[in-house]
PDB file of all heavy atoms in Angstrom:
ATOM      1  N   GLU A   1     -42.883-110.971 -95.127  1.00  0.00           N
ATOM      2  CA  GLU A   1     -42.719-112.398 -94.857  1.00  0.00           C
ATOM      3  C   GLU A   1     -43.794-112.857 -93.897  1.00  0.00           C
ATOM      4  O   GLU A   1     -44.084-112.198 -92.905  1.00  0.00           O
ATOM      5  CB  GLU A   1     -41.354-112.685 -94.224  1.00  0.00           C
ATOM      6  CG  GLU A   1     -40.199-112.656 -95.180  1.00  0.00           C
ATOM      7  CD  GLU A   1     -38.917-113.017 -94.471  1.00  0.00           C
ATOM      8  OE1 GLU A   1     -38.290-112.111 -93.914  1.00  0.00           O
ATOM      9  OE2 GLU A   1     -38.570-114.210 -94.465  1.00  0.00           O
ATOM     10  N   GLU A   2     -44.382-114.009 -94.171  1.00  0.00           N
ATOM     11  CA  GLU A   2     -45.385-114.587 -93.290  1.00  0.00           C
ATOM     12  C   GLU A   2     -44.704-115.509 -92.296  1.00  0.00           C
ATOM     13  O   GLU A   2     -43.938-116.382 -92.689  1.00  0.00           O
ATOM     14  CB  GLU A   2     -46.408-115.393 -94.099  1.00  0.00           C
ATOM     15  CG  GLU A   2     -47.422-114.537 -94.817  1.00  0.00           C
ATOM     16  CD  GLU A   2     -48.342-113.803 -93.857  1.00  0.00           C
ATOM     17  OE1 GLU A   2     -48.806-114.405 -92.875  1.00  0.00           O
ATOM     18  OE2 GLU A   2     -48.600-112.623 -94.096  1.00  0.00           O
ATOM     19  N   PRO A   3     -44.971-115.361 -91.004  1.00  0.00           N
ATOM     20  CA  PRO A   3     -44.431-116.314 -90.036  1.00  0.00           C
ATOM     21  C   PRO A   3     -45.095-117.669 -90.221  1.00  0.00           C
ATOM     22  O   PRO A   3     -46.213-117.750 -90.735  1.00  0.00           O
ATOM     23  CB  PRO A   3     -44.793-115.710 -88.691  1.00  0.00           C
ATOM     24  CG  PRO A   3     -45.902-114.771 -88.959  1.00  0.00           C
ATOM     25  CD  PRO A   3     -45.763-114.326 -90.388  1.00  0.00           C
ATOM     26  N   GLU A   4     -44.401-118.744 -89.827  1.00  0.00           N
ATOM     27  CA  GLU A   4     -44.978-120.080 -89.927  1.00  0.00           C
ATOM     28  C   GLU A   4     -46.209-120.167 -89.051  1.00  0.00           C
ATOM     29  O   GLU A   4     -46.245-119.638 -87.953  1.00  0.00           O
ATOM     30  CB  GLU A   4     -43.961-121.129 -89.472  1.00  0.00           C
ATOM     31  CG  GLU A   4     -42.814-121.318 -90.423  1.00  0.00           C
ATOM     32  CD  GLU A   4     -41.885-122.431 -89.959  1.00  0.00           C
ATOM     33  OE1 GLU A   4     -42.349-123.339 -89.230  1.00  0.00           O
ATOM     34  OE2 GLU A   4     -40.724-122.380 -90.333  1.00  0.00           O
ATOM     35  N   GLN A   5     -47.231-120.839 -89.555  1.00  0.00           N
ATOM     36  CA  GLN A   5     -48.457-121.011 -88.794  1.00  0.00           C
ATOM     37  C   GLN A   5     -48.299-122.192 -87.849  1.00  0.00           C
ATOM     38  O   GLN A   5     -47.792-123.226 -88.232  1.00  0.00           O
ATOM     39  CB  GLN A   5     -49.644-121.247 -89.731  1.00  0.00           C
ATOM     40  CG  GLN A   5     -49.952-120.083 -90.639  1.00  0.00           C
ATOM     41  CD  GLN A   5     -50.387-118.857 -89.857  1.00  0.00           C
ATOM     42  OE1 GLN A   5     -51.097-118.951 -88.878  1.00  0.00           O
ATOM     43  NE2 GLN A   5     -49.962-117.694 -90.301  1.00  0.00           N
ATOM     44  N   SER A   6     -48.727-122.042 -86.621  1.00  0.00           N
ATOM     45  CA  SER A   6     -48.717-123.133 -85.661  1.00  0.00           C
ATOM     46  C   SER A   6     -50.129-123.302 -85.132  1.00  0.00           C
ATOM     47  O   SER A   6     -50.933-122.372 -85.193  1.00  0.00           O
ATOM     48  CB  SER A   6     -47.743-122.838 -84.524  1.00  0.00           C
ATOM     49  OG  SER A   6     -48.147-121.694 -83.821  1.00  0.00           O
ATOM     50  N   PRO A   7     -50.427-124.489 -84.612  1.00  0.00           N
ATOM     51  CA  PRO A   7     -51.790-124.678 -84.094  1.00  0.00           C
ATOM     52  C   PRO A   7     -52.061-123.719 -82.937  1.00  0.00           C
ATOM     53  O   PRO A   7     -51.161-123.375 -82.195  1.00  0.00           O
ATOM     54  CB  PRO A   7     -51.799-126.117 -83.604  1.00  0.00           C
ATOM     55  CG  PRO A   7     -50.405-126.604 -83.635  1.00  0.00           C
ATOM     56  CD  PRO A   7     -49.596-125.645 -84.430  1.00  0.00           C
ATOM     57  N   LYS A   8     -53.295-123.304 -82.831  1.00  0.00           N
ATOM     58  CA  LYS A   8     -53.660-122.406 -81.725  1.00  0.00           C
ATOM     59  C   LYS A   8     -53.599-123.199 -80.435  1.00  0.00           C
ATOM     60  O   LYS A   8     -54.138-124.289 -80.347  1.00  0.00           O
ATOM     61  CB  LYS A   8     -55.049-121.837 -81.938  1.00  0.00           C
ATOM     62  CG  LYS A   8     -55.133-120.993 -83.174  1.00  0.00           C
ATOM     63  CD  LYS A   8     -56.037-119.836 -82.965  1.00  0.00           C
ATOM     64  CE  LYS A   8     -56.078-119.062 -84.259  1.00  0.00           C
ATOM     65  NZ  LYS A   8     -55.922-117.691 -84.126  1.00  0.00           N
ATOM     66  N   ARG A   9     -52.912-122.648 -79.458  1.00  0.00           N
ATOM     67  CA  ARG A   9     -52.758-123.309 -78.166  1.00  0.00           C
ATOM     68  C   ARG A   9     -53.083-122.327 -77.062  1.00  0.00           C
ATOM     69  O   ARG A   9     -52.883-121.140 -77.198  1.00  0.00           O
ATOM     70  CB  ARG A   9     -51.335-123.822 -77.986  1.00  0.00           C
ATOM     71  CG  ARG A   9     -51.000-124.926 -78.967  1.00  0.00           C
ATOM     72  CD  ARG A   9     -49.694-125.574 -78.590  1.00  0.00           C
ATOM     73  NE  ARG A   9     -49.415-126.667 -79.470  1.00  0.00           N
ATOM     74  CZ  ARG A   9     -49.537-127.944 -79.126  1.00  0.00           C
ATOM     75  NH1 ARG A   9     -49.909-128.259 -77.917  1.00  0.00           N
ATOM     76  NH2 ARG A   9     -49.273-128.890 -79.988  1.00  0.00           N
ATOM     77  N   LYS A  10     -53.585-122.845 -75.980  1.00  0.00           N
ATOM     78  CA  LYS A  10     -53.869-122.070 -74.782  1.00  0.00           C
ATOM     79  C   LYS A  10     -53.006-122.612 -73.665  1.00  0.00           C
ATOM     80  O   LYS A  10     -52.669-123.793 -73.644  1.00  0.00           O
ATOM     81  CB  LYS A  10     -55.339-122.219 -74.378  1.00  0.00           C
ATOM     82  CG  LYS A  10     -56.315-121.635 -75.366  1.00  0.00           C
ATOM     83  CD  LYS A  10     -56.412-120.174 -75.152  1.00  0.00           C
ATOM     84  CE  LYS A  10     -57.707-119.640 -75.714  1.00  0.00           C
ATOM     85  NZ  LYS A  10     -57.949-118.306 -75.283  1.00  0.00           N
ATOM     86  N   GLY A  11     -52.661-121.772 -72.724  1.00  0.00           N
ATOM     87  CA  GLY A  11     -51.832-122.184 -71.605  1.00  0.00           C
ATOM     88  C   GLY A  11     -52.661-122.547 -70.384  1.00  0.00           C
ATOM     89  O   GLY A  11     -53.781-122.076 -70.206  1.00  0.00           O
ATOM     90  N   GLN A  12     -52.087-123.399 -69.550  1.00  0.00           N
ATOM     91  CA  GLN A  12     -52.700-123.782 -68.282  1.00  0.00           C
ATOM     92  C   GLN A  12     -51.581-123.958 -67.276  1.00  0.00           C
ATOM     93  O   GLN A  12     -50.633-124.678 -67.538  1.00  0.00           O
ATOM     94  CB  GLN A  12     -53.486-125.090 -68.429  1.00  0.00           C
ATOM     95  CG  GLN A  12     -54.086-125.595 -67.147  1.00  0.00           C
ATOM     96  CD  GLN A  12     -55.142-124.656 -66.579  1.00  0.00           C
ATOM     97  OE1 GLN A  12     -56.024-124.217 -67.300  1.00  0.00           O
ATOM     98  NE2 GLN A  12     -55.039-124.339 -65.315  1.00  0.00           N
ATOM     99  N   THR A  13     -51.686-123.300 -66.155  1.00  0.00           N
ATOM    100  CA  THR A  13     -50.667-123.414 -65.120  1.00  0.00           C
ATOM    101  C   THR A  13     -50.961-124.630 -64.261  1.00  0.00           C
ATOM    102  O   THR A  13     -52.099-124.864 -63.871  1.00  0.00           O
ATOM    103  CB  THR A  13     -50.652-122.149 -64.244  1.00  0.00           C
ATOM    104  OG1 THR A  13     -50.360-121.032 -65.078  1.00  0.00           O
ATOM    105  CG2 THR A  13     -49.601-122.251 -63.153  1.00  0.00           C
ATOM    106  N   LEU A  14     -49.924-125.384 -63.963  1.00  0.00           N
ATOM    107  CA  LEU A  14     -50.027-126.541 -63.089  1.00  0.00           C
ATOM    108  C   LEU A  14     -49.078-126.331 -61.928  1.00  0.00           C
ATOM    109  O   LEU A  14     -47.890-126.091 -62.135  1.00  0.00           O
ATOM    110  CB  LEU A  14     -49.651-127.813 -63.860  1.00  0.00           C
ATOM    111  CG  LEU A  14     -49.541-129.092 -63.043  1.00  0.00           C
ATOM    112  CD1 LEU A  14     -50.916-129.510 -62.531  1.00  0.00           C
ATOM    113  CD2 LEU A  14     -48.923-130.191 -63.876  1.00  0.00           C
ATOM    114  N   ARG A  15     -49.582-126.390 -60.741  1.00  0.00           N
ATOM    115  CA  ARG A  15     -48.741-126.220 -59.559  1.00  0.00           C
ATOM    116  C   ARG A  15     -48.602-127.576 -58.884  1.00  0.00           C
ATOM    117  O   ARG A  15     -49.586-128.223 -58.559  1.00  0.00           O
ATOM    118  CB  ARG A  15     -49.358-125.212 -58.609  1.00  0.00           C
ATOM    119  CG  ARG A  15     -49.542-123.859 -59.276  1.00  0.00           C
ATOM    120  CD  ARG A  15     -49.355-122.746 -58.295  1.00  0.00           C
ATOM    121  NE  ARG A  15     -49.554-121.468 -58.942  1.00  0.00           N
ATOM    122  CZ  ARG A  15     -48.572-120.735 -59.446  1.00  0.00           C
ATOM    123  NH1 ARG A  15     -47.345-121.159 -59.376  1.00  0.00           N
ATOM    124  NH2 ARG A  15     -48.827-119.574 -60.004  1.00  0.00           N
ATOM    125  N   LEU A  16     -47.358-128.006 -58.708  1.00  0.00           N
ATOM    126  CA  LEU A  16     -47.048-129.280 -58.074  1.00  0.00           C
ATOM    127  C   LEU A  16     -46.264-129.030 -56.804  1.00  0.00           C
ATOM    128  O   LEU A  16     -45.530-128.040 -56.720  1.00  0.00           O
ATOM    129  CB  LEU A  16     -46.197-130.144 -59.012  1.00  0.00           C
ATOM    130  CG  LEU A  16     -46.797-130.519 -60.355  1.00  0.00           C
ATOM    131  CD1 LEU A  16     -45.746-131.178 -61.237  1.00  0.00           C
ATOM    132  CD2 LEU A  16     -47.990-131.431 -60.175  1.00  0.00           C
ATOM    133  N   ASP A  17     -46.380-129.956 -55.847  1.00  0.00           N
ATOM    134  CA  ASP A  17     -45.499-129.812 -54.692  1.00  0.00           C
ATOM    135  C   ASP A  17     -44.082-130.149 -55.151  1.00  0.00           C
ATOM    136  O   ASP A  17     -43.865-130.716 -56.236  1.00  0.00           O
ATOM    137  CB  ASP A  17     -45.953-130.644 -53.496  1.00  0.00           C
ATOM    138  CG  ASP A  17     -45.884-132.144 -53.716  1.00  0.00           C
ATOM    139  OD1 ASP A  17     -45.027-132.626 -54.480  1.00  0.00           O
ATOM    140  OD2 ASP A  17     -46.685-132.857 -53.100  1.00  0.00           O
ATOM    141  N   GLU A  18     -43.112-129.764 -54.366  1.00  0.00           N
ATOM    142  CA  GLU A  18     -41.705-129.872 -54.783  1.00  0.00           C
ATOM    143  C   GLU A  18     -41.307-131.305 -55.126  1.00  0.00           C
ATOM    144  O   GLU A  18     -40.608-131.543 -56.107  1.00  0.00           O
ATOM    145  CB  GLU A  18     -40.787-129.316 -53.701  1.00  0.00           C
ATOM    146  CG  GLU A  18     -39.347-129.224 -54.154  1.00  0.00           C
ATOM    147  CD  GLU A  18     -38.444-128.560 -53.126  1.00  0.00           C
ATOM    148  OE1 GLU A  18     -38.950-128.005 -52.135  1.00  0.00           O
ATOM    149  OE2 GLU A  18     -37.229-128.599 -53.338  1.00  0.00           O
ATOM    150  N   GLY A  19     -41.781-132.274 -54.353  1.00  0.00           N
ATOM    151  CA  GLY A  19     -41.442-133.668 -54.620  1.00  0.00           C
ATOM    152  C   GLY A  19     -41.971-134.149 -55.956  1.00  0.00           C
ATOM    153  O   GLY A  19     -41.267-134.825 -56.717  1.00  0.00           O
ATOM    154  N   ALA A  20     -43.216-133.797 -56.271  1.00  0.00           N
ATOM    155  CA  ALA A  20     -43.810-134.193 -57.545  1.00  0.00           C
ATOM    156  C   ALA A  20     -43.098-133.502 -58.706  1.00  0.00           C
ATOM    157  O   ALA A  20     -42.861-134.110 -59.754  1.00  0.00           O
ATOM    158  CB  ALA A  20     -45.300-133.865 -57.561  1.00  0.00           C
ATOM    159  N   TRP A  21     -42.746-132.231 -58.519  1.00  0.00           N
ATOM    160  CA  TRP A  21     -42.031-131.486 -59.562  1.00  0.00           C
ATOM    161  C   TRP A  21     -40.682-132.136 -59.852  1.00  0.00           C
ATOM    162  O   TRP A  21     -40.321-132.343 -61.002  1.00  0.00           O
ATOM    163  CB  TRP A  21     -41.850-130.031 -59.125  1.00  0.00           C
ATOM    164  CG  TRP A  21     -41.204-129.170 -60.151  1.00  0.00           C
ATOM    165  CD1 TRP A  21     -41.801-128.522 -61.193  1.00  0.00           C
ATOM    166  CD2 TRP A  21     -39.808-128.850 -60.256  1.00  0.00           C
ATOM    167  NE1 TRP A  21     -40.879-127.828 -61.921  1.00  0.00           N
ATOM    168  CE2 TRP A  21     -39.636-128.010 -61.358  1.00  0.00           C
ATOM    169  CE3 TRP A  21     -38.693-129.196 -59.493  1.00  0.00           C
ATOM    170  CZ2 TRP A  21     -38.402-127.522 -61.748  1.00  0.00           C
ATOM    171  CZ3 TRP A  21     -37.457-128.697 -59.883  1.00  0.00           C
ATOM    172  CH2 TRP A  21     -37.320-127.875 -60.993  1.00  0.00           C
ATOM    173  N   LYS A  22     -39.941-132.480 -58.787  1.00  0.00           N
ATOM    174  CA  LYS A  22     -38.642-133.122 -58.966  1.00  0.00           C
ATOM    175  C   LYS A  22     -38.791-134.482 -59.641  1.00  0.00           C
ATOM    176  O   LYS A  22     -38.014-134.839 -60.526  1.00  0.00           O
ATOM    177  CB  LYS A  22     -37.931-133.286 -57.620  1.00  0.00           C
ATOM    178  CG  LYS A  22     -37.356-132.000 -57.088  1.00  0.00           C
ATOM    179  CD  LYS A  22     -36.637-132.230 -55.770  1.00  0.00           C
ATOM    180  CE  LYS A  22     -36.043-130.941 -55.230  1.00  0.00           C
ATOM    181  NZ  LYS A  22     -35.341-131.154 -53.954  1.00  0.00           N
ATOM    182  N   GLN A  23     -39.794-135.228 -59.226  1.00  0.00           N
ATOM    183  CA  GLN A  23     -40.018-136.544 -59.831  1.00  0.00           C
ATOM    184  C   GLN A  23     -40.343-136.411 -61.315  1.00  0.00           C
ATOM    185  O   GLN A  23     -39.860-137.203 -62.136  1.00  0.00           O
ATOM    186  CB  GLN A  23     -41.143-137.263 -59.083  1.00  0.00           C
ATOM    187  CG  GLN A  23     -41.347-138.693 -59.506  1.00  0.00           C
ATOM    188  CD  GLN A  23     -42.217-139.437 -58.530  1.00  0.00           C
ATOM    189  OE1 GLN A  23     -41.792-139.694 -57.413  1.00  0.00           O
ATOM    190  NE2 GLN A  23     -43.426-139.773 -58.933  1.00  0.00           N
ATOM    191  N   LEU A  24     -41.163-135.428 -61.674  1.00  0.00           N
ATOM    192  CA  LEU A  24     -41.484-135.181 -63.079  1.00  0.00           C
ATOM    193  C   LEU A  24     -40.220-134.848 -63.862  1.00  0.00           C
ATOM    194  O   LEU A  24     -39.997-135.380 -64.951  1.00  0.00           O
ATOM    195  CB  LEU A  24     -42.505-134.045 -63.201  1.00  0.00           C
ATOM    196  CG  LEU A  24     -42.889-133.623 -64.614  1.00  0.00           C
ATOM    197  CD1 LEU A  24     -43.587-134.754 -65.356  1.00  0.00           C
ATOM    198  CD2 LEU A  24     -43.762-132.372 -64.570  1.00  0.00           C
ATOM    199  N   LYS A  25     -39.374-133.974 -63.315  1.00  0.00           N
ATOM    200  CA  LYS A  25     -38.132-133.594 -63.994  1.00  0.00           C
ATOM    201  C   LYS A  25     -37.201-134.795 -64.155  1.00  0.00           C
ATOM    202  O   LYS A  25     -36.584-134.979 -65.208  1.00  0.00           O
ATOM    203  CB  LYS A  25     -37.412-132.475 -63.231  1.00  0.00           C
ATOM    204  CG  LYS A  25     -38.137-131.149 -63.281  1.00  0.00           C
ATOM    205  CD  LYS A  25     -38.202-130.664 -64.708  1.00  0.00           C
ATOM    206  CE  LYS A  25     -38.625-129.220 -64.765  1.00  0.00           C
ATOM    207  NZ  LYS A  25     -38.533-128.673 -66.104  1.00  0.00           N
ATOM    208  N   HIS A  26     -37.087-135.627 -63.115  1.00  0.00           N
ATOM    209  CA  HIS A  26     -36.240-136.821 -63.189  1.00  0.00           C
ATOM    210  C   HIS A  26     -36.767-137.795 -64.243  1.00  0.00           C
ATOM    211  O   HIS A  26     -35.992-138.362 -65.023  1.00  0.00           O
ATOM    212  CB  HIS A  26     -36.142-137.516 -61.829  1.00  0.00           C
ATOM    213  CG  HIS A  26     -35.274-136.800 -60.855  1.00  0.00           C
ATOM    214  ND1 HIS A  26     -33.902-136.742 -60.965  1.00  0.00           N
ATOM    215  CD2 HIS A  26     -35.584-136.108 -59.730  1.00  0.00           C
ATOM    216  CE1 HIS A  26     -33.395-136.044 -59.964  1.00  0.00           C
ATOM    217  NE2 HIS A  26     -34.405-135.635 -59.190  1.00  0.00           N
ATOM    218  N   LEU A  27     -38.088-137.998 -64.258  1.00  0.00           N
ATOM    219  CA  LEU A  27     -38.689-138.886 -65.245  1.00  0.00           C
ATOM    220  C   LEU A  27     -38.436-138.375 -66.662  1.00  0.00           C
ATOM    221  O   LEU A  27     -38.083-139.145 -67.565  1.00  0.00           O
ATOM    222  CB  LEU A  27     -40.189-139.034 -64.989  1.00  0.00           C
ATOM    223  CG  LEU A  27     -40.942-139.983 -65.910  1.00  0.00           C
ATOM    224  CD1 LEU A  27     -40.385-141.396 -65.835  1.00  0.00           C
ATOM    225  CD2 LEU A  27     -42.431-139.978 -65.559  1.00  0.00           C
ATOM    226  N   ALA A  28     -38.585-137.068 -66.849  1.00  0.00           N
ATOM    227  CA  ALA A  28     -38.332-136.476 -68.165  1.00  0.00           C
ATOM    228  C   ALA A  28     -36.885-136.711 -68.584  1.00  0.00           C
ATOM    229  O   ALA A  28     -36.614-137.081 -69.739  1.00  0.00           O
ATOM    230  CB  ALA A  28     -38.653-134.984 -68.139  1.00  0.00           C
ATOM    231  N   THR A  29     -35.962-136.524 -67.662  1.00  0.00           N
ATOM    232  CA  THR A  29     -34.547-136.741 -67.960  1.00  0.00           C
ATOM    233  C   THR A  29     -34.296-138.211 -68.281  1.00  0.00           C
ATOM    234  O   THR A  29     -33.611-138.537 -69.255  1.00  0.00           O
ATOM    235  CB  THR A  29     -33.672-136.303 -66.770  1.00  0.00           C
ATOM    236  OG1 THR A  29     -33.908-134.919 -66.528  1.00  0.00           O
ATOM    237  CG2 THR A  29     -32.199-136.519 -67.049  1.00  0.00           C
ATOM    238  N   ASP A  30     -34.849-139.104 -67.474  1.00  0.00           N
ATOM    239  CA  ASP A  30     -34.672-140.538 -67.705  1.00  0.00           C
ATOM    240  C   ASP A  30     -35.206-140.970 -69.063  1.00  0.00           C
ATOM    241  O   ASP A  30     -34.612-141.815 -69.734  1.00  0.00           O
ATOM    242  CB  ASP A  30     -35.379-141.360 -66.613  1.00  0.00           C
ATOM    243  CG  ASP A  30     -34.729-141.226 -65.249  1.00  0.00           C
ATOM    244  OD1 ASP A  30     -33.581-140.718 -65.172  1.00  0.00           O
ATOM    245  OD2 ASP A  30     -35.381-141.612 -64.248  1.00  0.00           O
ATOM    246  N   LYS A  31     -36.339-140.407 -69.462  1.00  0.00           N
ATOM    247  CA  LYS A  31     -36.969-140.766 -70.739  1.00  0.00           C
ATOM    248  C   LYS A  31     -36.404-139.983 -71.923  1.00  0.00           C
ATOM    249  O   LYS A  31     -36.686-140.303 -73.074  1.00  0.00           O
ATOM    250  CB  LYS A  31     -38.485-140.538 -70.674  1.00  0.00           C
ATOM    251  CG  LYS A  31     -39.200-141.418 -69.685  1.00  0.00           C
ATOM    252  CD  LYS A  31     -39.151-142.845 -70.152  1.00  0.00           C
ATOM    253  CE  LYS A  31     -39.919-143.763 -69.230  1.00  0.00           C
ATOM    254  NZ  LYS A  31     -39.779-145.149 -69.640  1.00  0.00           N
ATOM    255  N   GLY A  32     -35.638-138.917 -71.639  1.00  0.00           N
ATOM    256  CA  GLY A  32     -35.068-138.105 -72.717  1.00  0.00           C
ATOM    257  C   GLY A  32     -36.089-137.242 -73.426  1.00  0.00           C
ATOM    258  O   GLY A  32     -35.960-136.966 -74.618  1.00  0.00           O
ATOM    259  N   VAL A  33     -37.119-136.830 -72.692  1.00  0.00           N
ATOM    260  CA  VAL A  33     -38.145-135.953 -73.253  1.00  0.00           C
ATOM    261  C   VAL A  33     -38.329-134.769 -72.309  1.00  0.00           C
ATOM    262  O   VAL A  33     -37.794-134.760 -71.206  1.00  0.00           O
ATOM    263  CB  VAL A  33     -39.497-136.692 -73.458  1.00  0.00           C
ATOM    264  CG1 VAL A  33     -39.349-137.825 -74.449  1.00  0.00           C
ATOM    265  CG2 VAL A  33     -40.046-137.201 -72.141  1.00  0.00           C
ATOM    266  N   SER A  34     -39.099-133.798 -72.724  1.00  0.00           N
ATOM    267  CA  SER A  34     -39.348-132.640 -71.857  1.00  0.00           C
ATOM    268  C   SER A  34     -40.476-132.951 -70.878  1.00  0.00           C
ATOM    269  O   SER A  34     -41.326-133.825 -71.131  1.00  0.00           O
ATOM    270  CB  SER A  34     -39.720-131.418 -72.700  1.00  0.00           C
ATOM    271  OG  SER A  34     -40.991-131.593 -73.289  1.00  0.00           O
ATOM    272  N   ALA A  35     -40.491-132.243 -69.769  1.00  0.00           N
ATOM    273  CA  ALA A  35     -41.580-132.371 -68.812  1.00  0.00           C
ATOM    274  C   ALA A  35     -42.900-131.993 -69.488  1.00  0.00           C
ATOM    275  O   ALA A  35     -43.938-132.611 -69.227  1.00  0.00           O
ATOM    276  CB  ALA A  35     -41.323-131.488 -67.590  1.00  0.00           C
ATOM    277  N   HIS A  36     -42.867-131.024 -70.372  1.00  0.00           N
ATOM    278  CA  HIS A  36     -44.064-130.616 -71.119  1.00  0.00           C
ATOM    279  C   HIS A  36     -44.626-131.794 -71.918  1.00  0.00           C
ATOM    280  O   HIS A  36     -45.838-132.037 -71.909  1.00  0.00           O
ATOM    281  CB  HIS A  36     -43.716-129.447 -72.050  1.00  0.00           C
ATOM    282  CG  HIS A  36     -44.857-128.995 -72.889  1.00  0.00           C
ATOM    283  ND1 HIS A  36     -45.057-129.447 -74.171  1.00  0.00           N
ATOM    284  CD2 HIS A  36     -45.876-128.145 -72.641  1.00  0.00           C
ATOM    285  CE1 HIS A  36     -46.138-128.884 -74.674  1.00  0.00           C
ATOM    286  NE2 HIS A  36     -46.657-128.084 -73.755  1.00  0.00           N
ATOM    287  N   ASP A  37     -43.750-132.538 -72.587  1.00  0.00           N
ATOM    288  CA  ASP A  37     -44.211-133.694 -73.361  1.00  0.00           C
ATOM    289  C   ASP A  37     -44.868-134.732 -72.459  1.00  0.00           C
ATOM    290  O   ASP A  37     -45.877-135.341 -72.827  1.00  0.00           O
ATOM    291  CB  ASP A  37     -43.056-134.330 -74.131  1.00  0.00           C
ATOM    292  CG  ASP A  37     -42.590-133.488 -75.306  1.00  0.00           C
ATOM    293  OD1 ASP A  37     -43.344-132.600 -75.758  1.00  0.00           O
ATOM    294  OD2 ASP A  37     -41.455-133.713 -75.772  1.00  0.00           O
ATOM    295  N   LEU A  38     -44.302-134.951 -71.266  1.00  0.00           N
ATOM    296  CA  LEU A  38     -44.904-135.900 -70.325  1.00  0.00           C
ATOM    297  C   LEU A  38     -46.268-135.410 -69.850  1.00  0.00           C
ATOM    298  O   LEU A  38     -47.199-136.213 -69.694  1.00  0.00           O
ATOM    299  CB  LEU A  38     -43.983-136.118 -69.121  1.00  0.00           C
ATOM    300  CG  LEU A  38     -42.699-136.900 -69.399  1.00  0.00           C
ATOM    301  CD1 LEU A  38     -41.853-136.973 -68.137  1.00  0.00           C
ATOM    302  CD2 LEU A  38     -42.999-138.296 -69.932  1.00  0.00           C
ATOM    303  N   LEU A  39     -46.409-134.119 -69.633  1.00  0.00           N
ATOM    304  CA  LEU A  39     -47.698-133.584 -69.196  1.00  0.00           C
ATOM    305  C   LEU A  39     -48.747-133.690 -70.301  1.00  0.00           C
ATOM    306  O   LEU A  39     -49.915-133.994 -70.030  1.00  0.00           O
ATOM    307  CB  LEU A  39     -47.535-132.139 -68.718  1.00  0.00           C
ATOM    308  CG  LEU A  39     -46.734-131.999 -67.421  1.00  0.00           C
ATOM    309  CD1 LEU A  39     -46.433-130.535 -67.140  1.00  0.00           C
ATOM    310  CD2 LEU A  39     -47.460-132.642 -66.249  1.00  0.00           C
ATOM    311  N   ILE A  40     -48.343-133.481 -71.550  1.00  0.00           N
ATOM    312  CA  ILE A  40     -49.269-133.662 -72.682  1.00  0.00           C
ATOM    313  C   ILE A  40     -49.721-135.119 -72.746  1.00  0.00           C
ATOM    314  O   ILE A  40     -50.900-135.421 -72.940  1.00  0.00           O
ATOM    315  CB  ILE A  40     -48.610-133.226 -74.011  1.00  0.00           C
ATOM    316  CG1 ILE A  40     -48.357-131.720 -74.019  1.00  0.00           C
ATOM    317  CG2 ILE A  40     -49.452-133.655 -75.218  1.00  0.00           C
ATOM    318  CD1 ILE A  40     -49.595-130.859 -73.969  1.00  0.00           C
TER     319      ILE A  40
END
């Protein structure tokens, strides 16, 4: 069986201070999307 093909992606670490991290998480929750989607 062949696994589904996905686009090639590379990772990048982002370090935020605690306040910015919390704000990002709250915004993601408010918008109903993931923090990853907001960062993209």
